[in-house]
Structures are given as C-alpha cells and as structure tokens.
PDB file of N, CA and C in Angstrom:
ATOM      1  N   UNK A   1      83.198 156.785 141.991  1.00  0.00           N
ATOM      2  CA  UNK A   1      84.546 156.754 141.445  1.00  0.00           C
ATOM      3  C   UNK A   1      84.708 155.644 140.414  1.00  0.00           C
ATOM      4  N   UNK A   2      84.050 154.511 140.666  1.00  0.00           N
ATOM      5  CA  UNK A   2      84.137 153.395 139.731  1.00  0.00           C
ATOM      6  C   UNK A   2      83.561 153.790 138.382  1.00  0.00           C
ATOM      7  N   UNK A   3      82.470 154.549 138.404  1.00  0.00           N
ATOM      8  CA  UNK A   3      81.841 154.979 137.148  1.00  0.00           C
ATOM      9  C   UNK A   3      82.755 155.909 136.361  1.00  0.00           C
ATOM     10  N   UNK A   4      83.436 156.805 137.073  1.00  0.00           N
ATOM     11  CA  UNK A   4      84.370 157.726 136.420  1.00  0.00           C
ATOM     12  C   UNK A   4      85.508 156.961 135.760  1.00  0.00           C
ATOM     13  N   UNK A   5      86.096 156.019 136.483  1.00  0.00           N
ATOM     14  CA  UNK A   5      87.196 155.224 135.932  1.00  0.00           C
ATOM     15  C   UNK A   5      86.726 154.412 134.731  1.00  0.00           C
ATOM     16  N   UNK A   6      85.561 153.820 134.825  1.00  0.00           N
ATOM     17  CA  UNK A   6      85.017 153.048 133.709  1.00  0.00           C
ATOM     18  C   UNK A   6      84.821 153.931 132.484  1.00  0.00           C
ATOM     19  N   UNK A   7      84.280 155.118 132.680  1.00  0.00           N
ATOM     20  CA  UNK A   7      84.062 156.054 131.574  1.00  0.00           C
ATOM     21  C   UNK A   7      85.385 156.438 130.910  1.00  0.00           C
ATOM     22  N   UNK A   8      86.397 156.739 131.711  1.00  0.00           N
ATOM     23  CA  UNK A   8      87.700 157.142 131.169  1.00  0.00           C
ATOM     24  C   UNK A   8      88.303 156.021 130.336  1.00  0.00           C
ATOM     25  N   UNK A   9      88.319 154.812 130.887  1.00  0.00           N
ATOM     26  CA  UNK A   9      88.935 153.684 130.187  1.00  0.00           C
ATOM     27  C   UNK A   9      88.150 153.343 128.920  1.00  0.00           C
ATOM     28  N   UNK A  10      86.821 153.356 128.984  1.00  0.00           N
ATOM     29  CA  UNK A  10      86.020 153.057 127.796  1.00  0.00           C
ATOM     30  C   UNK A  10      86.246 154.080 126.695  1.00  0.00           C
ATOM     31  N   UNK A  11      86.565 155.309 127.068  1.00  0.00           N
ATOM     32  CA  UNK A  11      86.819 156.348 126.070  1.00  0.00           C
ATOM     33  C   UNK A  11      88.143 156.138 125.350  1.00  0.00           C
ATOM     34  N   UNK A  12      89.055 155.400 125.957  1.00  0.00           N
ATOM     35  CA  UNK A  12      90.386 155.211 125.392  1.00  0.00           C
ATOM     36  C   UNK A  12      90.496 154.005 124.464  1.00  0.00           C
ATOM     37  N   UNK A  13      89.669 152.998 124.656  1.00  0.00           N
ATOM     38  CA  UNK A  13      89.861 151.719 123.970  1.00  0.00           C
ATOM     39  C   UNK A  13      88.982 151.567 122.731  1.00  0.00           C
ATOM     40  N   UNK A  14      89.324 150.575 121.899  1.00  0.00           N
ATOM     41  CA  UNK A  14      88.541 150.270 120.702  1.00  0.00           C
ATOM     42  C   UNK A  14      87.333 149.393 121.017  1.00  0.00           C
ATOM     43  N   UNK A  15      87.431 148.608 122.090  1.00  0.00           N
ATOM     44  CA  UNK A  15      86.347 147.693 122.470  1.00  0.00           C
ATOM     45  C   UNK A  15      85.809 148.070 123.848  1.00  0.00           C
ATOM     46  N   UNK A  16      85.006 149.127 123.935  1.00  0.00           N
ATOM     47  CA  UNK A  16      84.534 149.580 125.250  1.00  0.00           C
ATOM     48  C   UNK A  16      83.615 148.581 125.953  1.00  0.00           C
ATOM     49  N   UNK A  17      82.984 147.684 125.188  1.00  0.00           N
ATOM     50  CA  UNK A  17      82.104 146.695 125.808  1.00  0.00           C
ATOM     51  C   UNK A  17      82.881 145.613 126.557  1.00  0.00           C
ATOM     52  N   UNK A  18      84.193 145.503 126.333  1.00  0.00           N
ATOM     53  CA  UNK A  18      85.011 144.501 127.011  1.00  0.00           C
ATOM     54  C   UNK A  18      85.751 145.065 128.221  1.00  0.00           C
ATOM     55  N   UNK A  19      85.457 146.294 128.593  1.00  0.00           N
ATOM     56  CA  UNK A  19      86.085 146.907 129.764  1.00  0.00           C
ATOM     57  C   UNK A  19      85.347 146.452 131.015  1.00  0.00           C
ATOM     58  N   UNK A  20      86.123 146.001 132.008  1.00  0.00           N
ATOM     59  CA  UNK A  20      85.511 145.640 133.280  1.00  0.00           C
ATOM     60  C   UNK A  20      86.362 146.218 134.403  1.00  0.00           C
ATOM     61  N   UNK A  21      85.709 146.880 135.337  1.00  0.00           N
ATOM     62  CA  UNK A  21      86.382 147.480 136.485  1.00  0.00           C
ATOM     63  C   UNK A  21      85.797 146.838 137.737  1.00  0.00           C
ATOM     64  N   UNK A  22      86.669 146.215 138.522  1.00  0.00           N
ATOM     65  CA  UNK A  22      86.231 145.625 139.782  1.00  0.00           C
ATOM     66  C   UNK A  22      86.847 146.398 140.933  1.00  0.00           C
ATOM     67  N   UNK A  23      86.122 146.430 142.018  1.00  0.00           N
ATOM     68  CA  UNK A  23      86.535 147.216 143.181  1.00  0.00           C
ATOM     69  C   UNK A  23      86.700 146.275 144.367  1.00  0.00           C
ATOM     70  N   UNK A  24      87.825 146.419 145.069  1.00  0.00           N
ATOM     71  CA  UNK A  24      88.031 145.641 146.295  1.00  0.00           C
ATOM     72  C   UNK A  24      88.754 146.509 147.312  1.00  0.00           C
ATOM     73  N   UNK A  25      88.651 146.126 148.563  1.00  0.00           N
ATOM     74  CA  UNK A  25      89.322 146.886 149.615  1.00  0.00           C
ATOM     75  C   UNK A  25      90.516 146.093 150.108  1.00  0.00           C
ATOM     76  N   UNK A  26      91.628 146.792 150.284  1.00  0.00           N
ATOM     77  CA  UNK A  26      92.851 146.154 150.771  1.00  0.00           C
ATOM     78  C   UNK A  26      93.648 147.171 151.574  1.00  0.00           C
ATOM     79  N   UNK A  27      93.981 146.835 152.804  1.00  0.00           N
ATOM     80  CA  UNK A  27      94.803 147.683 153.666  1.00  0.00           C
ATOM     81  C   UNK A  27      94.256 149.104 153.789  1.00  0.00           C
ATOM     82  N   UNK A  28      92.953 149.231 153.936  1.00  0.00           N
ATOM     83  CA  UNK A  28      92.351 150.540 154.140  1.00  0.00           C
ATOM     84  C   UNK A  28      92.234 151.402 152.906  1.00  0.00           C
ATOM     85  N   UNK A  29      92.492 150.844 151.737  1.00  0.00           N
ATOM     86  CA  UNK A  29      92.325 151.612 150.510  1.00  0.00           C
ATOM     87  C   UNK A  29      91.481 150.830 149.520  1.00  0.00           C
ATOM     88  N   UNK A  30      90.909 151.549 148.581  1.00  0.00           N
ATOM     89  CA  UNK A  30      90.094 150.930 147.532  1.00  0.00           C
ATOM     90  C   UNK A  30      91.006 150.656 146.341  1.00  0.00           C
ATOM     91  N   UNK A  31      90.982 149.418 145.865  1.00  0.00           N
ATOM     92  CA  UNK A  31      91.790 149.022 144.715  1.00  0.00           C
ATOM     93  C   UNK A  31      90.847 148.747 143.552  1.00  0.00           C
ATOM     94  N   UNK A  32      91.054 149.468 142.456  1.00  0.00           N
ATOM     95  CA  UNK A  32      90.281 149.241 141.241  1.00  0.00           C
ATOM     96  C   UNK A  32      91.135 148.417 140.293  1.00  0.00           C
ATOM     97  N   UNK A  33      90.591 147.280 139.864  1.00  0.00           N
ATOM     98  CA  UNK A  33      91.279 146.425 138.903  1.00  0.00           C
ATOM     99  C   UNK A  33      90.600 146.595 137.554  1.00  0.00           C
ATOM    100  N   UNK A  34      91.370 147.034 136.572  1.00  0.00           N
ATOM    101  CA  UNK A  34      90.836 147.317 135.238  1.00  0.00           C
ATOM    102  C   UNK A  34      91.251 146.197 134.297  1.00  0.00           C
ATOM    103  N   UNK A  35      90.277 145.589 133.637  1.00  0.00           N
ATOM    104  CA  UNK A  35      90.539 144.529 132.666  1.00  0.00           C
ATOM    105  C   UNK A  35      89.983 144.980 131.321  1.00  0.00           C
ATOM    106  N   UNK A  36      90.825 144.920 130.295  1.00  0.00           N
ATOM    107  CA  UNK A  36      90.423 145.313 128.940  1.00  0.00           C
ATOM    108  C   UNK A  36      90.828 144.206 127.970  1.00  0.00           C
ATOM    109  N   UNK A  37      90.377 144.301 126.739  1.00  0.00           N
ATOM    110  CA  UNK A  37      90.763 143.339 125.704  1.00  0.00           C
ATOM    111  C   UNK A  37      92.276 143.401 125.499  1.00  0.00           C
ATOM    112  N   UNK A  38      92.863 142.285 125.073  1.00  0.00           N
ATOM    113  CA  UNK A  38      94.319 142.217 124.917  1.00  0.00           C
ATOM    114  C   UNK A  38      94.872 143.308 124.004  1.00  0.00           C
ATOM    115  N   UNK A  39      94.189 143.603 122.922  1.00  0.00           N
ATOM    116  CA  UNK A  39      94.664 144.608 121.984  1.00  0.00           C
ATOM    117  C   UNK A  39      94.555 146.035 122.510  1.00  0.00           C
ATOM    118  N   UNK A  40      93.798 146.228 123.580  1.00  0.00           N
ATOM    119  CA  UNK A  40      93.586 147.575 124.121  1.00  0.00           C
ATOM    120  C   UNK A  40      94.469 147.904 125.323  1.00  0.00           C
ATOM    121  N   UNK A  41      95.205 146.937 125.833  1.00  0.00           N
ATOM    122  CA  UNK A  41      96.039 147.191 127.013  1.00  0.00           C
ATOM    123  C   UNK A  41      97.050 148.308 126.763  1.00  0.00           C
ATOM    124  N   UNK A  42      97.639 148.319 125.589  1.00  0.00           N
ATOM    125  CA  UNK A  42      98.619 149.348 125.257  1.00  0.00           C
ATOM    126  C   UNK A  42      98.022 150.738 125.224  1.00  0.00           C
ATOM    127  N   UNK A  43      96.774 150.837 124.837  1.00  0.00           N
ATOM    128  CA  UNK A  43      96.104 152.139 124.793  1.00  0.00           C
ATOM    129  C   UNK A  43      95.832 152.673 126.181  1.00  0.00           C
ATOM    130  N   UNK A  44      95.566 151.776 127.122  1.00  0.00           N
ATOM    131  CA  UNK A  44      95.302 152.203 128.496  1.00  0.00           C
ATOM    132  C   UNK A  44      96.609 152.514 129.221  1.00  0.00           C
ATOM    133  N   UNK A  45      97.650 151.744 128.933  1.00  0.00           N
ATOM    134  CA  UNK A  45      98.934 151.951 129.608  1.00  0.00           C
ATOM    135  C   UNK A  45      99.686 153.132 128.997  1.00  0.00           C
ATOM    136  N   UNK A  46      99.726 153.207 127.686  1.00  0.00           N
ATOM    137  CA  UNK A  46     100.415 154.307 127.012  1.00  0.00           C
ATOM    138  C   UNK A  46     101.917 154.090 126.944  1.00  0.00           C
ATOM    139  N   UNK A  47     102.583 154.962 126.229  1.00  0.00           N
ATOM    140  CA  UNK A  47     104.040 154.867 126.115  1.00  0.00           C
ATOM    141  C   UNK A  47     104.688 155.149 127.456  1.00  0.00           C
ATOM    142  N   UNK A  48     105.531 154.226 127.865  1.00  0.00           N
ATOM    143  CA  UNK A  48     106.241 154.319 129.141  1.00  0.00           C
ATOM    144  C   UNK A  48     105.283 154.505 130.318  1.00  0.00           C
ATOM    145  N   UNK A  49     104.037 154.043 130.156  1.00  0.00           N
ATOM    146  CA  UNK A  49     103.072 154.091 131.242  1.00  0.00           C
ATOM    147  C   UNK A  49     102.494 155.463 131.530  1.00  0.00           C
ATOM    148  N   UNK A  50     102.600 156.371 130.586  1.00  0.00           N
ATOM    149  CA  UNK A  50     102.156 157.750 130.825  1.00  0.00           C
ATOM    150  C   UNK A  50     100.647 157.867 131.037  1.00  0.00           C
ATOM    151  N   UNK A  51      99.862 157.169 130.251  1.00  0.00           N
ATOM    152  CA  UNK A  51      98.401 157.303 130.350  1.00  0.00           C
ATOM    153  C   UNK A  51      97.900 156.728 131.665  1.00  0.00           C
ATOM    154  N   UNK A  52      98.347 155.534 132.014  1.00  0.00           N
ATOM    155  CA  UNK A  52      97.890 154.927 133.267  1.00  0.00           C
ATOM    156  C   UNK A  52      98.371 155.750 134.469  1.00  0.00           C
ATOM    157  N   UNK A  53      99.515 156.363 134.343  1.00  0.00           N
ATOM    158  CA  UNK A  53     100.011 157.229 135.429  1.00  0.00           C
ATOM    159  C   UNK A  53      99.072 158.418 135.635  1.00  0.00           C
ATOM    160  N   UNK A  54      98.629 159.021 134.545  1.00  0.00           N
ATOM    161  CA  UNK A  54      97.716 160.162 134.653  1.00  0.00           C
ATOM    162  C   UNK A  54      96.341 159.731 135.176  1.00  0.00           C
ATOM    163  N   UNK A  55      95.895 158.537 134.784  1.00  0.00           N
ATOM    164  CA  UNK A  55      94.629 158.019 135.309  1.00  0.00           C
ATOM    165  C   UNK A  55      94.747 157.842 136.820  1.00  0.00           C
ATOM    166  N   UNK A  56      95.867 157.297 137.280  1.00  0.00           N
ATOM    167  CA  UNK A  56      96.077 157.098 138.721  1.00  0.00           C
ATOM    168  C   UNK A  56      96.097 158.423 139.470  1.00  0.00           C
ATOM    169  N   UNK A  57      96.751 159.424 138.897  1.00  0.00           N
ATOM    170  CA  UNK A  57      96.803 160.750 139.532  1.00  0.00           C
ATOM    171  C   UNK A  57      95.400 161.332 139.649  1.00  0.00           C
ATOM    172  N   UNK A  58      94.626 161.229 138.586  1.00  0.00           N
ATOM    173  CA  UNK A  58      93.259 161.753 138.590  1.00  0.00           C
ATOM    174  C   UNK A  58      92.395 161.044 139.625  1.00  0.00           C
ATOM    175  N   UNK A  59      92.483 159.724 139.669  1.00  0.00           N
ATOM    176  CA  UNK A  59      91.673 158.963 140.625  1.00  0.00           C
ATOM    177  C   UNK A  59      92.078 159.252 142.069  1.00  0.00           C
ATOM    178  N   UNK A  60      93.372 159.443 142.319  1.00  0.00           N
ATOM    179  CA  UNK A  60      93.812 159.794 143.672  1.00  0.00           C
ATOM    180  C   UNK A  60      93.290 161.166 144.082  1.00  0.00           C
ATOM    181  N   UNK A  61      93.259 162.101 143.140  1.00  0.00           N
ATOM    182  CA  UNK A  61      92.745 163.441 143.439  1.00  0.00           C
ATOM    183  C   UNK A  61      91.261 163.385 143.786  1.00  0.00           C
ATOM    184  N   UNK A  62      90.491 162.606 143.048  1.00  0.00           N
ATOM    185  CA  UNK A  62      89.066 162.463 143.328  1.00  0.00           C
ATOM    186  C   UNK A  62      88.870 161.803 144.690  1.00  0.00           C
ATOM    187  N   UNK A  63      89.646 160.765 144.963  1.00  0.00           N
ATOM    188  CA  UNK A  63      89.521 160.047 146.237  1.00  0.00           C
ATOM    189  C   UNK A  63      89.924 160.927 147.407  1.00  0.00           C
ATOM    190  N   UNK A  64      90.935 161.737 147.228  1.00  0.00           N
ATOM    191  CA  UNK A  64      91.411 162.612 148.303  1.00  0.00           C
ATOM    192  C   UNK A  64      90.333 163.613 148.709  1.00  0.00           C
ATOM    193  N   UNK A  65      89.577 164.099 147.746  1.00  0.00           N
ATOM    194  CA  UNK A  65      88.481 165.030 148.059  1.00  0.00           C
ATOM    195  C   UNK A  65      87.405 164.357 148.903  1.00  0.00           C
ATOM    196  N   UNK A  66      87.297 163.031 148.772  1.00  0.00           N
ATOM    197  CA  UNK A  66      86.309 162.280 149.540  1.00  0.00           C
ATOM    198  C   UNK A  66      86.909 161.676 150.808  1.00  0.00           C
ATOM    199  N   UNK A  67      88.187 161.942 151.047  1.00  0.00           N
ATOM    200  CA  UNK A  67      88.848 161.431 152.238  1.00  0.00           C
ATOM    201  C   UNK A  67      89.165 159.950 152.175  1.00  0.00           C
ATOM    202  N   UNK A  68      89.418 159.437 150.993  1.00  0.00           N
ATOM    203  CA  UNK A  68      89.714 158.011 150.818  1.00  0.00           C
ATOM    204  C   UNK A  68      91.045 157.843 150.108  1.00  0.00           C
ATOM    205  N   UNK A  69      91.559 156.614 150.149  1.00  0.00           N
ATOM    206  CA  UNK A  69      92.766 156.262 149.396  1.00  0.00           C
ATOM    207  C   UNK A  69      92.364 155.280 148.316  1.00  0.00           C
ATOM    208  N   UNK A  70      92.985 155.437 147.157  1.00  0.00           N
ATOM    209  CA  UNK A  70      92.608 154.603 146.023  1.00  0.00           C
ATOM    210  C   UNK A  70      93.841 154.259 145.201  1.00  0.00           C
ATOM    211  N   UNK A  71      93.808 153.096 144.564  1.00  0.00           N
ATOM    212  CA  UNK A  71      94.855 152.730 143.605  1.00  0.00           C
ATOM    213  C   UNK A  71      94.202 152.042 142.410  1.00  0.00           C
ATOM    214  N   UNK A  72      94.885 152.107 141.272  1.00  0.00           N
ATOM    215  CA  UNK A  72      94.367 151.541 140.034  1.00  0.00           C
ATOM    216  C   UNK A  72      95.385 150.538 139.507  1.00  0.00           C
ATOM    217  N   UNK A  73      94.927 149.328 139.212  1.00  0.00           N
ATOM    218  CA  UNK A  73      95.793 148.291 138.661  1.00  0.00           C
ATOM    219  C   UNK A  73      95.216 147.810 137.341  1.00  0.00           C
ATOM    220  N   UNK A  74      96.116 147.549 136.389  1.00  0.00           N
ATOM    221  CA  UNK A  74      95.715 146.983 135.100  1.00  0.00           C
ATOM    222  C   UNK A  74      95.931 145.483 135.189  1.00  0.00           C
ATOM    223  N   UNK A  75      94.880 144.701 134.957  1.00  0.00           N
ATOM    224  CA  UNK A  75      94.959 143.243 135.067  1.00  0.00           C
ATOM    225  C   UNK A  75      95.625 142.678 133.823  1.00  0.00           C
ATOM    226  N   UNK A  76      96.558 141.734 134.028  1.00  0.00           N
ATOM    227  CA  UNK A  76      97.245 141.087 132.896  1.00  0.00           C
ATOM    228  C   UNK A  76      96.442 139.971 132.317  1.00  0.00           C
TER     229      UNK A  76
END
C-alpha cells in the first residue's frame, strides 16, 4: 500500500524525488504521513481538498480488501 501511495503522490507533484511517505501504526490502523516539497502541497491537496480526499478514499478501499484500516495525512 505504501508503494501505491508513493506512486500516486509522485505522479502529481513537480518534484517527485522530494516525496516521502512514512508508515506508522496508531489505534489499530495504519497511518501514512506524506511529506512533499512546499510548492507541491497544493497539488496534493487540491482545491477544497478534493485530490487528497480521493486519495484517502482509494487507499481505504485498498486497505478494506486486505482487512485493514488506513488513513492518510499530509505533513505540514
């Protein structure tokens, strides 16, 4: 799942080499923290958060098929 999220985010940004995705467990779910270059945060979040919302929906669907819970956070 981490590889899928990394691929999606790298496809959206101008500086794919500065994308970093870290994985941690909290309260029985996997939390992915996405860090991108400052100029690329808007591209990952999108207008009114639409892009990041769709990324979260996609990742939850993948996790649900594997019987897991997942969340995606954009690091400030």
